[in-house]
């Protein structure tokens, strides 16, 4: 019986127990060590003991990113308190154009904006404007930053006054065209008046008159762009900014360089500004929330939240919703209204971009109500405003501004334009109807803080002094450097005339594309049924 059992080895049980205990200690150490290290790092970071190498490159006087303070997703500290105290002391444009006391990212300090852009393709923008420098300079230099080479500015009003026009003329790549009698006579001979595609807008006041004027200016800009060796042309208002999202870099030139060669025109859907307070002074640096275009939204989202996004206004957007387009410079190109281009000899091949957009800063300031009213002499009646304004919201705004008291106008503006309900804003931001866009704001703030705008004004004054000295020394009349700008060249006129002779056989043309609203809820339901 004794042989049936093996003898126990001395110390065997103790050895097994020691091995198990050691393994448990190792496992416990491996579990606790990462937790202790994570807790240690958290404590150091919370107390400010660690230096983030990425953050050391930025200014030490940190502040909330512009636009985030009014966002339901943003911080509690208000950047706009600083801006409002800075801008409310003076409404003079120099207060907006000069550098403020708040910190900024000095991206553009030392940049030479006078150098001719050598990139390809060459992009130009044409506009018809009566705005002042406080709006034009940020708009112009922003587009220089994202790759625009030339600007053809058809100016009148504030923009045509010597103080503003001399600054614009001194900026390289900018061509200023004044609304002179010679220009009007030349445009009166345009072939457009004998064609049908724009005839529905002829001989009507206010917005209709502006639409025709813009189309005639675009026709002349095509010639200037071709003579200047441009590849692409865009018509843009000075309350609109290009947003070249979707490119490898934030560059309009890069975006258009990736367009296939067989494409003639690129459509940019527009996003509309959604202001969150009624005391905006500088929209480009104070507005960051935008309502997305129908083309960039799922249909279920658009129609499902249509009523909340419209907020008892006539349409989804306050003003137009059909975007703007860029056209490749080619033979027989013509405008097709302020929003599109066309070709006399063929149907253009168009594409619509899925991410890039036009940012439209419309009714961003309360004063926009009265300024639009003052530009139009129509009667504030429902019938007469139809004769003057294309879009329904513009008609309503004109009537309110013409008949209401200051308090009534403020109440109406806050109810129909300002997005004050933070819960609704948060919901629509999460659903994608609203979006935050900070790139233009950051670029323009950087330009302003770097002194680019004030330098442009100072350079123009210096050039003006030098010119006056030359005039005194020579005792002869030296014409303004913008003389060739104000008077369309004979060469350009001949080219235009030749082009018209070739195209006289064309009779039927596609109608001009007017500013149009986004799809409506009930219209779409009727179309579906």
Protein backbone atom coordinates (compact mmCIF):
# COMPACT_ATOMS: atom_id res chain seq x y z
CA UNK A 1 0.00 0.00 0.00
CA UNK A 2 2.83 2.31 0.81
CA UNK A 3 4.13 2.01 -2.76
CA UNK A 4 0.93 3.37 -4.14
CA UNK A 5 1.68 6.90 -2.94
CA UNK A 6 4.60 9.02 -4.10
CA UNK A 7 6.53 10.72 -1.33
CA UNK A 8 6.03 14.49 -0.98
CA UNK A 9 9.08 16.59 -1.89
CA UNK A 10 10.15 18.91 0.84
CA UNK A 11 9.20 22.57 0.17
CA UNK A 12 7.01 21.81 -2.91
CA UNK A 13 3.84 23.52 -1.64
CA UNK A 14 5.74 26.58 -0.46
CA UNK A 15 7.42 26.98 -3.87
CA UNK A 16 4.09 26.91 -5.77
CA UNK A 17 2.58 29.43 -3.40
CA UNK A 18 5.52 31.81 -3.85
CA UNK A 19 5.28 31.63 -7.66
CA UNK A 20 1.57 32.44 -7.61
CA UNK A 21 2.09 35.39 -5.27
CA UNK A 22 4.86 36.79 -7.51
CA UNK A 23 2.65 36.53 -10.61
CA UNK A 24 -0.15 38.37 -8.82
CA UNK A 25 2.23 41.17 -7.82
CA UNK A 26 3.45 41.55 -11.43
CA UNK A 27 -0.12 41.74 -12.77
CA UNK A 28 -1.04 44.25 -10.10
CA UNK A 29 2.01 46.39 -10.94
CA UNK A 30 1.27 46.32 -14.67
CA UNK A 31 -2.32 47.35 -13.99
CA UNK A 32 -1.61 50.12 -11.53
CA UNK A 33 1.45 51.66 -13.25
CA UNK A 34 -0.40 53.07 -16.33
CA UNK A 35 -3.17 54.36 -14.08
CA UNK A 36 -0.69 56.09 -11.79
CA UNK A 37 1.19 57.62 -14.75
CA UNK A 38 -2.08 58.89 -16.29
CA UNK A 39 -3.17 60.39 -12.99
CA UNK A 40 0.26 62.01 -12.53
CA UNK A 41 0.14 63.57 -16.03
CA UNK A 42 -3.40 64.82 -15.44
CA UNK A 43 -2.41 66.49 -12.17
CA UNK A 44 0.63 68.16 -13.75
CA UNK A 45 -1.41 69.41 -16.70
CA UNK A 46 -4.20 70.67 -14.45
CA UNK A 47 -1.69 72.59 -12.34
CA UNK A 48 0.09 73.96 -15.44
CA UNK A 49 3.22 71.93 -14.90
CA UNK A 50 3.49 70.67 -18.48
CA UNK A 51 4.32 72.80 -21.51
CA UNK A 52 2.45 71.87 -24.65
CA UNK A 53 4.99 72.20 -27.49
CA UNK A 54 2.20 72.88 -29.98
CA UNK A 55 0.75 75.75 -27.97
CA UNK A 56 4.09 77.42 -27.37
CA UNK A 57 4.08 78.70 -30.95
CA UNK A 58 0.99 80.84 -30.30
CA UNK A 59 0.67 84.09 -28.34
CA UNK A 60 0.66 83.65 -24.59
CA UNK A 61 -2.25 86.03 -23.97
CA UNK A 62 -4.79 83.42 -24.98
CA UNK A 63 -8.44 84.27 -25.57
CA UNK A 64 -11.53 82.51 -26.82
CA UNK A 65 -11.59 81.91 -30.56
CA UNK A 66 -13.64 84.60 -32.32
CA UNK A 67 -17.25 83.64 -32.76
CA UNK A 68 -17.32 80.91 -30.13
CA UNK A 69 -18.67 83.11 -27.35
CA UNK A 70 -22.16 83.37 -28.81
CA UNK A 71 -22.20 79.75 -29.86
CA UNK A 72 -24.15 77.28 -27.74
CA UNK A 73 -21.09 75.09 -28.20
CA UNK A 74 -18.64 77.82 -27.25
CA UNK A 75 -16.95 79.19 -24.17
CA UNK A 76 -18.38 81.62 -21.66
CA UNK A 77 -15.92 84.46 -22.20
CA UNK A 78 -17.15 86.97 -24.77
CA UNK A 79 -14.69 88.12 -27.36
CA UNK A 80 -17.36 90.41 -28.77
CA UNK A 81 -17.40 92.45 -25.56
CA UNK A 82 -13.91 93.57 -26.55
CA UNK A 83 -14.92 94.23 -30.15
CA UNK A 84 -18.07 96.15 -29.25
CA UNK A 85 -16.25 98.42 -26.80
CA UNK A 86 -13.57 99.00 -29.41
CA UNK A 87 -15.96 99.72 -32.29
CA UNK A 88 -18.73 101.52 -30.45
CA UNK A 89 -16.49 104.44 -29.60
CA UNK A 90 -16.34 105.45 -33.25
CA UNK A 91 -18.16 104.51 -36.42
CA UNK A 92 -15.30 105.75 -38.56
CA UNK A 93 -13.97 103.14 -40.95
CA UNK A 94 -10.44 103.59 -39.61
CA UNK A 95 -11.56 102.04 -36.34
CA UNK A 96 -12.54 98.89 -38.20
CA UNK A 97 -9.55 98.81 -40.52
CA UNK A 98 -6.80 99.51 -38.00
CA UNK A 99 -5.39 96.95 -35.59
CA UNK A 100 -7.22 96.56 -32.31
CA UNK A 101 -5.96 95.97 -28.80
CA UNK A 102 -6.85 92.28 -28.76
CA UNK A 103 -4.34 89.64 -29.70
CA UNK A 104 -4.38 88.12 -33.17
CA UNK A 105 -2.51 85.60 -35.22
CA UNK A 106 0.17 87.56 -37.15
CA UNK A 107 0.00 85.38 -40.28
CA UNK A 108 0.45 88.24 -42.72
CA UNK A 109 3.09 90.37 -41.06
CA UNK A 110 5.81 90.90 -43.65
CA UNK A 111 3.80 89.61 -46.60
CA UNK A 112 4.25 91.60 -49.80
CA UNK A 113 0.83 91.91 -51.38
CA UNK A 114 2.24 94.06 -54.18
CA UNK A 115 3.95 91.09 -55.79
CA UNK A 116 2.13 89.80 -58.86
CA UNK A 117 0.75 86.33 -58.19
CA UNK A 118 2.48 83.77 -60.39
CA UNK A 119 0.28 80.77 -59.60
CA UNK A 120 -1.90 78.98 -62.10
CA UNK A 121 -4.73 79.17 -62.95
CA UNK A 122 -5.13 82.94 -62.82
CA UNK A 123 -8.41 83.90 -61.17
CA UNK A 124 -10.11 87.29 -61.31
CA UNK A 125 -13.16 88.74 -59.56
CA UNK A 126 -15.42 91.47 -60.87
CA UNK A 127 -17.87 93.46 -58.78
CA UNK A 128 -20.15 96.49 -58.94
CA UNK A 129 -19.99 98.38 -55.67
CA UNK A 130 -20.79 101.63 -53.93
CA UNK A 131 -19.42 100.49 -50.55
CA UNK A 132 -16.72 102.24 -48.53
CA UNK A 133 -13.18 101.12 -47.77
CA UNK A 134 -14.21 99.54 -44.46
CA UNK A 135 -16.00 96.87 -46.49
CA UNK A 136 -13.98 96.71 -49.70
CA UNK A 137 -10.45 96.40 -48.26
CA UNK A 138 -11.09 93.33 -46.06
CA UNK A 139 -13.05 91.75 -48.91
CA UNK A 140 -10.30 92.44 -51.43
CA UNK A 141 -7.28 91.34 -49.39
CA UNK A 142 -9.05 88.21 -48.15
CA UNK A 143 -9.48 87.09 -51.74
CA UNK A 144 -5.87 87.96 -52.49
CA UNK A 145 -4.87 85.58 -49.69
CA UNK A 146 -6.87 82.69 -51.16
CA UNK A 147 -5.39 83.13 -54.62
CA UNK A 148 -7.26 85.78 -56.63
CA UNK A 149 -4.92 87.63 -59.03
CA UNK A 150 -7.00 90.50 -60.43
CA UNK A 151 -9.98 92.60 -59.42
CA UNK A 152 -12.18 94.63 -61.76
CA UNK A 153 -14.11 97.09 -59.60
CA UNK A 154 -16.98 99.02 -61.18
CA UNK A 155 -17.42 101.79 -58.64
CA UNK A 156 -19.88 104.53 -57.83
CA UNK A 157 -21.13 106.22 -54.65
CA UNK A 158 -18.72 105.96 -51.71
CA UNK A 159 -16.33 103.71 -53.63
CA UNK A 160 -15.91 106.35 -56.37
CA UNK A 161 -15.02 109.21 -54.03
CA UNK A 162 -11.37 110.35 -54.26
CA UNK A 163 -10.50 109.20 -50.74
CA UNK A 164 -11.56 105.64 -51.47
CA UNK A 165 -10.76 105.33 -55.18
CA UNK A 166 -7.18 106.59 -54.75
CA UNK A 167 -6.56 103.79 -52.25
CA UNK A 168 -8.08 101.15 -54.52
CA UNK A 169 -6.10 102.36 -57.53
CA UNK A 170 -2.84 102.12 -55.59
CA UNK A 171 -3.29 98.38 -54.91
CA UNK A 172 -1.55 96.13 -57.40
CA UNK A 173 -3.87 93.89 -59.39
CA UNK A 174 -6.88 96.20 -58.94
CA UNK A 175 -8.49 97.92 -61.89
CA UNK A 176 -11.06 100.62 -61.06
CA UNK A 177 -13.75 101.48 -63.60
CA UNK A 178 -15.81 104.59 -62.87
CA UNK A 179 -19.40 105.03 -63.95
CA UNK A 180 -18.67 107.87 -66.35
CA UNK A 181 -20.82 109.13 -69.19
CA UNK A 182 -18.44 107.48 -71.63
CA UNK A 183 -18.94 104.12 -69.90
CA UNK A 184 -22.72 104.51 -69.95
CA UNK A 185 -22.66 105.43 -73.65
CA UNK A 186 -20.54 102.41 -74.45
CA UNK A 187 -22.81 100.09 -72.48
CA UNK A 188 -25.85 101.62 -74.19
CA UNK A 189 -24.43 100.20 -77.45
CA UNK A 190 -24.08 96.70 -75.97
CA UNK A 191 -25.64 93.83 -77.91
CA UNK A 192 -27.42 92.82 -74.70
CA UNK A 193 -30.13 95.44 -75.32
CA UNK A 194 -31.07 93.72 -78.59
CA UNK A 195 -31.31 90.25 -77.04
CA UNK A 196 -34.11 88.63 -75.07
CA UNK A 197 -32.31 86.83 -72.25
CA UNK A 198 -32.16 89.94 -70.02
CA UNK A 199 -35.14 91.85 -71.43
CA UNK A 200 -37.41 90.97 -68.49
CA UNK A 201 -35.29 93.23 -66.26
CA UNK A 202 -35.09 96.28 -68.56
CA UNK A 203 -36.54 99.67 -67.59
CA UNK A 204 -37.44 98.73 -64.01
CA UNK A 205 -36.15 100.50 -60.87
CA UNK A 206 -34.05 99.47 -57.86
CA UNK A 207 -32.96 95.80 -57.83
CA UNK A 208 -33.92 95.24 -61.46
CA UNK A 209 -31.85 98.22 -62.57
CA UNK A 210 -28.91 96.97 -60.49
CA UNK A 211 -29.23 93.51 -62.04
CA UNK A 212 -28.98 94.95 -65.57
CA UNK A 213 -26.06 97.19 -64.57
CA UNK A 214 -24.19 94.21 -63.09
CA UNK A 215 -24.73 92.20 -66.28
CA UNK A 216 -23.39 95.02 -68.47
CA UNK A 217 -20.36 95.39 -66.19
CA UNK A 218 -19.75 91.64 -66.33
CA UNK A 219 -19.75 91.80 -70.13
CA UNK A 220 -17.00 94.42 -70.02
CA UNK A 221 -15.09 92.48 -67.33
CA UNK A 222 -14.87 89.47 -69.65
CA UNK A 223 -12.90 91.59 -72.14
CA UNK A 224 -10.63 92.95 -69.41
CA UNK A 225 -10.04 89.42 -68.09
CA UNK A 226 -9.17 88.07 -71.53
CA UNK A 227 -6.79 90.95 -72.21
CA UNK A 228 -5.18 90.36 -68.80
CA UNK A 229 -4.53 86.67 -69.47
CA UNK A 230 -6.96 85.41 -66.82
CA UNK A 231 -8.18 81.80 -66.76
CA UNK A 232 -11.28 82.09 -64.55
CA UNK A 233 -13.72 84.92 -63.79
CA UNK A 234 -16.19 85.24 -60.90
CA UNK A 235 -18.81 87.89 -60.25
CA UNK A 236 -19.03 88.59 -56.53
CA UNK A 237 -20.63 91.31 -54.41
CA UNK A 238 -18.61 92.97 -51.65
CA UNK A 239 -20.83 91.36 -49.01
CA UNK A 240 -19.84 87.89 -50.22
CA UNK A 241 -16.71 85.82 -49.55
CA UNK A 242 -15.49 82.72 -51.37
CA UNK A 243 -15.13 79.68 -49.09
CA UNK A 244 -12.89 77.20 -50.97
CA UNK A 245 -13.58 74.18 -48.76
CA UNK A 246 -12.77 70.78 -50.20
CA UNK A 247 -9.37 71.68 -51.70
CA UNK A 248 -6.09 70.30 -50.36
CA UNK A 249 -5.40 73.78 -49.02
CA UNK A 250 -7.60 76.79 -48.32
CA UNK A 251 -7.09 78.24 -51.78
CA UNK A 252 -9.52 79.19 -54.53
CA UNK A 253 -6.76 78.84 -57.09
CA UNK A 254 -6.00 75.32 -55.89
CA UNK A 255 -9.68 74.44 -55.98
CA UNK A 256 -10.11 75.61 -59.58
CA UNK A 257 -6.86 73.95 -60.66
CA UNK A 258 -8.45 70.60 -59.81
CA UNK A 259 -11.47 71.21 -62.07
CA UNK A 260 -11.41 68.96 -65.21
CA UNK A 261 -10.47 70.75 -68.42
CA UNK A 262 -13.79 69.95 -70.11
CA UNK A 263 -15.72 71.89 -67.44
CA UNK A 264 -16.71 75.43 -68.48
CA UNK A 265 -18.38 76.67 -65.30
CA UNK A 266 -18.33 75.88 -61.60
CA UNK A 267 -21.35 76.63 -59.41
CA UNK A 268 -20.75 77.59 -55.80
CA UNK A 269 -23.88 77.16 -53.62
CA UNK A 270 -24.28 80.01 -51.15
CA UNK A 271 -24.48 79.90 -47.37
CA UNK A 272 -26.34 82.72 -45.65
CA UNK A 273 -25.10 84.53 -42.55
CA UNK A 274 -27.10 83.95 -39.37
CA UNK A 275 -26.37 86.82 -36.97
CA UNK A 276 -26.77 86.23 -33.24
CA UNK A 277 -27.09 89.85 -32.07
CA UNK A 278 -28.33 93.14 -33.45
CA UNK A 279 -25.25 95.32 -32.92
CA UNK A 280 -22.82 93.88 -35.46
CA UNK A 281 -20.28 96.46 -36.67
CA UNK A 282 -17.83 94.38 -38.73
CA UNK A 283 -19.63 91.34 -40.19
CA UNK A 284 -16.54 89.66 -41.66
CA UNK A 285 -14.90 89.37 -38.24
CA UNK A 286 -17.97 89.03 -36.02
CA UNK A 287 -20.20 86.53 -37.82
CA UNK A 288 -19.32 82.84 -37.78
CA UNK A 289 -22.69 81.07 -38.05
CA UNK A 290 -24.17 80.32 -41.47
CA UNK A 291 -27.21 78.52 -42.80
CA UNK A 292 -26.31 75.80 -45.27
CA UNK A 293 -27.61 75.62 -48.82
CA UNK A 294 -30.21 73.09 -49.89
CA UNK A 295 -27.62 71.55 -52.24
CA UNK A 296 -25.36 70.70 -49.29
CA UNK A 297 -28.04 69.10 -47.11
CA UNK A 298 -29.89 65.75 -47.12
CA UNK A 299 -33.43 66.37 -48.35
CA UNK A 300 -34.98 64.75 -45.27
CA UNK A 301 -33.04 67.13 -43.03
CA UNK A 302 -33.90 70.17 -45.13
CA UNK A 303 -37.65 69.56 -45.35
CA UNK A 304 -37.90 68.05 -41.87
CA UNK A 305 -36.54 71.20 -40.24
CA UNK A 306 -37.78 73.69 -42.85
CA UNK A 307 -40.23 75.52 -40.55
CA UNK A 308 -37.72 75.89 -37.72
CA UNK A 309 -35.02 77.08 -40.11
CA UNK A 310 -37.35 79.54 -41.88
CA UNK A 311 -38.70 81.16 -38.68
CA UNK A 312 -41.88 82.58 -40.25
CA UNK A 313 -39.95 84.31 -43.04
CA UNK A 314 -41.12 84.00 -46.67
CA UNK A 315 -38.38 81.53 -47.66
CA UNK A 316 -35.61 79.33 -46.27
CA UNK A 317 -33.03 82.04 -47.03
CA UNK A 318 -33.74 85.72 -46.45
CA UNK A 319 -32.41 86.60 -49.90
CA UNK A 320 -31.16 84.57 -52.87
CA UNK A 321 -30.36 80.86 -52.65
CA UNK A 322 -29.00 79.89 -56.07
CA UNK A 323 -25.33 80.72 -55.44
CA UNK A 324 -22.80 82.22 -57.84
CA UNK A 325 -20.56 80.69 -60.51
CA UNK A 326 -17.02 80.82 -61.87
CA UNK A 327 -16.52 80.71 -65.64
CA UNK A 328 -13.50 79.61 -67.62
CA UNK A 329 -12.37 82.45 -69.91
CA UNK A 330 -13.14 81.34 -73.47
CA UNK A 331 -14.53 82.62 -76.75
CA UNK A 332 -18.19 83.69 -76.87
CA UNK A 333 -18.51 83.86 -73.08
CA UNK A 334 -21.29 86.13 -71.82
CA UNK A 335 -22.98 86.92 -68.49
CA UNK A 336 -26.31 85.28 -67.74
CA UNK A 337 -27.38 87.66 -65.00
CA UNK A 338 -25.40 88.35 -61.85
CA UNK A 339 -25.44 84.73 -60.70
CA UNK A 340 -24.39 82.78 -63.80
CA UNK A 341 -22.39 82.85 -67.02
CA UNK A 342 -23.29 81.42 -70.41
CA UNK A 343 -21.90 80.97 -73.91
CA UNK A 344 -23.37 82.29 -77.14
CA UNK A 345 -22.28 79.27 -79.17
CA UNK A 346 -22.78 76.26 -76.89
CA UNK A 347 -24.41 74.96 -73.75
CA UNK A 348 -21.70 75.19 -71.07
CA UNK A 349 -20.61 72.12 -69.15
CA UNK A 350 -21.33 72.97 -65.51
CA UNK A 351 -20.49 71.26 -62.24
CA UNK A 352 -21.65 72.04 -58.72
CA UNK A 353 -19.17 71.74 -55.85
CA UNK A 354 -20.11 69.63 -52.83
CA UNK A 355 -18.15 71.53 -50.16
CA UNK A 356 -17.02 74.94 -51.44
CA UNK A 357 -19.51 77.78 -51.06
CA UNK A 358 -20.21 81.50 -51.25
CA UNK A 359 -20.62 83.07 -47.81
CA UNK A 360 -23.32 85.73 -48.13
CA UNK A 361 -23.32 88.31 -45.32
CA UNK A 362 -26.82 89.66 -45.83
CA UNK A 363 -28.69 91.97 -43.42
CA UNK A 364 -25.88 91.45 -40.92
CA UNK A 365 -26.18 95.02 -39.59
CA UNK A 366 -29.34 96.74 -38.41
CA UNK A 367 -28.37 99.73 -40.56
CA UNK A 368 -28.80 97.53 -43.66
CA UNK A 369 -32.54 98.08 -43.33
CA UNK A 370 -32.33 101.84 -43.71
CA UNK A 371 -29.46 101.84 -46.23
CA UNK A 372 -31.43 99.65 -48.63
CA UNK A 373 -34.47 101.86 -48.12
CA UNK A 374 -32.48 105.01 -48.91
CA UNK A 375 -31.21 103.56 -52.19
CA UNK A 376 -34.68 103.06 -53.62
CA UNK A 377 -37.42 105.59 -54.30
CA UNK A 378 -40.35 103.18 -54.51
CA UNK A 379 -43.53 103.62 -52.50
CA UNK A 380 -43.83 101.33 -49.44
CA UNK A 381 -46.90 99.52 -50.75
CA UNK A 382 -47.27 95.83 -51.57
CA UNK A 383 -47.89 96.54 -55.23
CA UNK A 384 -45.10 99.05 -55.77
CA UNK A 385 -42.40 97.02 -54.02
CA UNK A 386 -43.00 94.19 -56.51
CA UNK A 387 -41.94 96.62 -59.21
CA UNK A 388 -38.69 97.37 -57.36
CA UNK A 389 -37.53 94.20 -55.59
CA UNK A 390 -37.13 90.66 -56.91
CA UNK A 391 -37.21 88.78 -53.59
CA UNK A 392 -40.06 88.77 -51.07
CA UNK A 393 -37.95 89.42 -47.96
CA UNK A 394 -36.42 92.53 -49.54
CA UNK A 395 -39.94 93.82 -50.17
CA UNK A 396 -41.03 93.25 -46.57
CA UNK A 397 -37.83 94.82 -45.20
CA UNK A 398 -38.31 97.90 -47.39
CA UNK A 399 -41.90 98.41 -46.17
CA UNK A 400 -40.89 98.02 -42.51
CA UNK A 401 -37.95 100.41 -42.90
CA UNK A 402 -40.13 102.96 -44.68
CA UNK A 403 -43.14 102.92 -42.37
CA UNK A 404 -41.96 101.72 -38.95
CA UNK A 405 -40.50 103.63 -36.02
CA UNK A 406 -36.96 102.94 -34.79
CA UNK A 407 -38.32 100.64 -32.07
CA UNK A 408 -40.59 98.79 -34.50
CA UNK A 409 -37.71 98.28 -36.90
CA UNK A 410 -35.52 96.90 -34.10
CA UNK A 411 -38.25 94.51 -32.99
CA UNK A 412 -38.85 93.33 -36.54
CA UNK A 413 -35.12 92.91 -37.18
CA UNK A 414 -34.64 90.82 -34.03
CA UNK A 415 -37.67 88.68 -34.81
CA UNK A 416 -36.87 87.96 -38.46
CA UNK A 417 -33.08 88.25 -38.78
CA UNK A 418 -31.32 87.73 -35.43
CA UNK A 419 -30.93 84.18 -34.09
CA UNK A 420 -31.45 84.73 -30.37
CA UNK A 421 -32.82 81.31 -29.35
CA UNK A 422 -29.72 79.37 -28.32
CA UNK A 423 -31.60 76.08 -27.96
CA UNK A 424 -32.86 76.29 -31.53
CA UNK A 425 -29.40 77.29 -32.72
CA UNK A 426 -27.85 74.30 -30.96
CA UNK A 427 -30.43 71.92 -32.43
CA UNK A 428 -29.93 73.19 -35.98
CA UNK A 429 -26.15 73.15 -35.56
CA UNK A 430 -26.28 69.51 -34.49
CA UNK A 431 -28.60 68.62 -37.37
CA UNK A 432 -26.33 70.38 -39.89
CA UNK A 433 -28.75 73.11 -41.00
CA UNK A 434 -26.47 75.70 -39.38
CA UNK A 435 -22.71 75.52 -39.39
CA UNK A 436 -19.76 77.41 -37.94
CA UNK A 437 -17.10 78.72 -40.34
CA UNK A 438 -14.07 80.48 -38.86
CA UNK A 439 -11.44 80.59 -41.64
CA UNK A 440 -12.52 83.92 -43.26
CA UNK A 441 -12.92 85.52 -39.84
CA UNK A 442 -9.44 84.44 -38.79
CA UNK A 443 -7.80 85.54 -42.05
CA UNK A 444 -9.41 88.99 -42.06
CA UNK A 445 -8.65 89.55 -38.38
CA UNK A 446 -5.05 88.57 -39.08
CA UNK A 447 -4.87 91.01 -41.99
CA UNK A 448 -6.33 93.82 -39.89
CA UNK A 449 -4.10 93.20 -36.87
CA UNK A 450 -1.03 93.00 -39.12
CA UNK A 451 -1.76 96.51 -40.40
CA UNK A 452 -2.40 95.53 -44.02
CA UNK A 453 -5.44 97.81 -44.43
CA UNK A 454 -3.90 100.83 -42.75
CA UNK A 455 -0.72 100.34 -44.79
CA UNK A 456 -2.75 100.40 -48.01
CA UNK A 457 -4.34 103.71 -46.98
CA UNK A 458 -0.97 105.19 -45.93
CA UNK A 459 0.68 104.11 -49.20
CA UNK A 460 -2.09 105.72 -51.20
CA UNK A 461 -1.64 109.00 -49.32
CA UNK A 462 2.10 108.90 -49.94
CA UNK A 463 1.59 108.25 -53.65
CA UNK A 464 -0.89 111.13 -53.78
CA UNK A 465 1.66 113.51 -52.22
CA UNK A 466 4.37 112.42 -54.65
CA UNK A 467 2.02 112.86 -57.57
CA UNK A 468 1.05 116.37 -56.51
CA UNK A 469 4.74 117.28 -56.22
CA UNK A 470 5.38 116.02 -59.73
CA UNK A 471 2.44 118.06 -60.98
CA UNK A 472 3.81 121.23 -59.44
CA UNK A 473 7.29 120.64 -60.83
CA UNK A 474 6.16 119.83 -64.35
CA UNK A 475 3.50 122.60 -64.51
CA UNK A 476 1.44 120.37 -66.71
CA UNK A 477 -1.71 118.39 -66.22
CA UNK A 478 -0.94 114.79 -65.53
CA UNK A 479 -3.96 112.57 -65.66
CA UNK A 480 -4.88 110.20 -62.85
CA UNK A 481 -3.23 106.79 -62.86
CA UNK A 482 -6.71 105.37 -63.23
CA UNK A 483 -7.39 107.17 -66.56
CA UNK A 484 -7.00 104.03 -68.63
CA UNK A 485 -9.32 102.41 -66.13
CA UNK A 486 -12.14 104.94 -66.31
CA UNK A 487 -12.13 104.92 -70.10
CA UNK A 488 -12.55 101.53 -71.77
CA UNK A 489 -9.68 100.98 -74.18
CA UNK A 490 -10.16 101.33 -77.91
CA UNK A 491 -8.55 97.93 -78.36
CA UNK A 492 -11.08 96.32 -76.05
CA UNK A 493 -13.93 98.06 -77.85
CA UNK A 494 -12.79 96.73 -81.24
CA UNK A 495 -12.48 93.20 -79.88
CA UNK A 496 -16.01 93.42 -78.53
CA UNK A 497 -17.39 94.74 -81.80
CA UNK A 498 -15.65 91.98 -83.78
CA UNK A 499 -17.06 89.35 -81.45
CA UNK A 500 -20.55 90.74 -81.92
CA UNK A 501 -20.37 90.62 -85.70
CA UNK A 502 -19.47 86.94 -85.59
CA UNK A 503 -22.33 86.17 -83.19
CA UNK A 504 -25.12 88.09 -84.90
CA UNK A 505 -26.64 84.85 -86.18
CA UNK A 506 -27.49 83.74 -82.66
CA UNK A 507 -31.13 84.57 -81.95
CA UNK A 508 -32.47 82.50 -79.06
CA UNK A 509 -30.57 82.58 -75.77
CA UNK A 510 -31.16 81.09 -72.35
CA UNK A 511 -32.91 83.52 -70.03
CA UNK A 512 -30.85 85.33 -67.40
CA UNK A 513 -30.76 83.57 -64.04
CA UNK A 514 -32.22 85.95 -61.43
CA UNK A 515 -31.64 85.72 -57.68
CA UNK A 516 -33.85 82.83 -56.62
CA UNK A 517 -35.01 81.42 -53.30
CA UNK A 518 -34.33 77.90 -52.05
CA UNK A 519 -36.98 75.18 -52.60
CA UNK A 520 -40.08 75.83 -50.49
CA UNK A 521 -41.83 73.25 -48.35
CA UNK A 522 -45.25 73.40 -50.02
CA UNK A 523 -43.89 73.81 -53.55
CA UNK A 524 -41.84 70.65 -53.13
CA UNK A 525 -44.85 68.75 -51.75
CA UNK A 526 -46.92 69.79 -54.77
CA UNK A 527 -44.15 68.71 -57.13
CA UNK A 528 -43.97 65.31 -55.42
CA UNK A 529 -47.72 64.78 -55.71
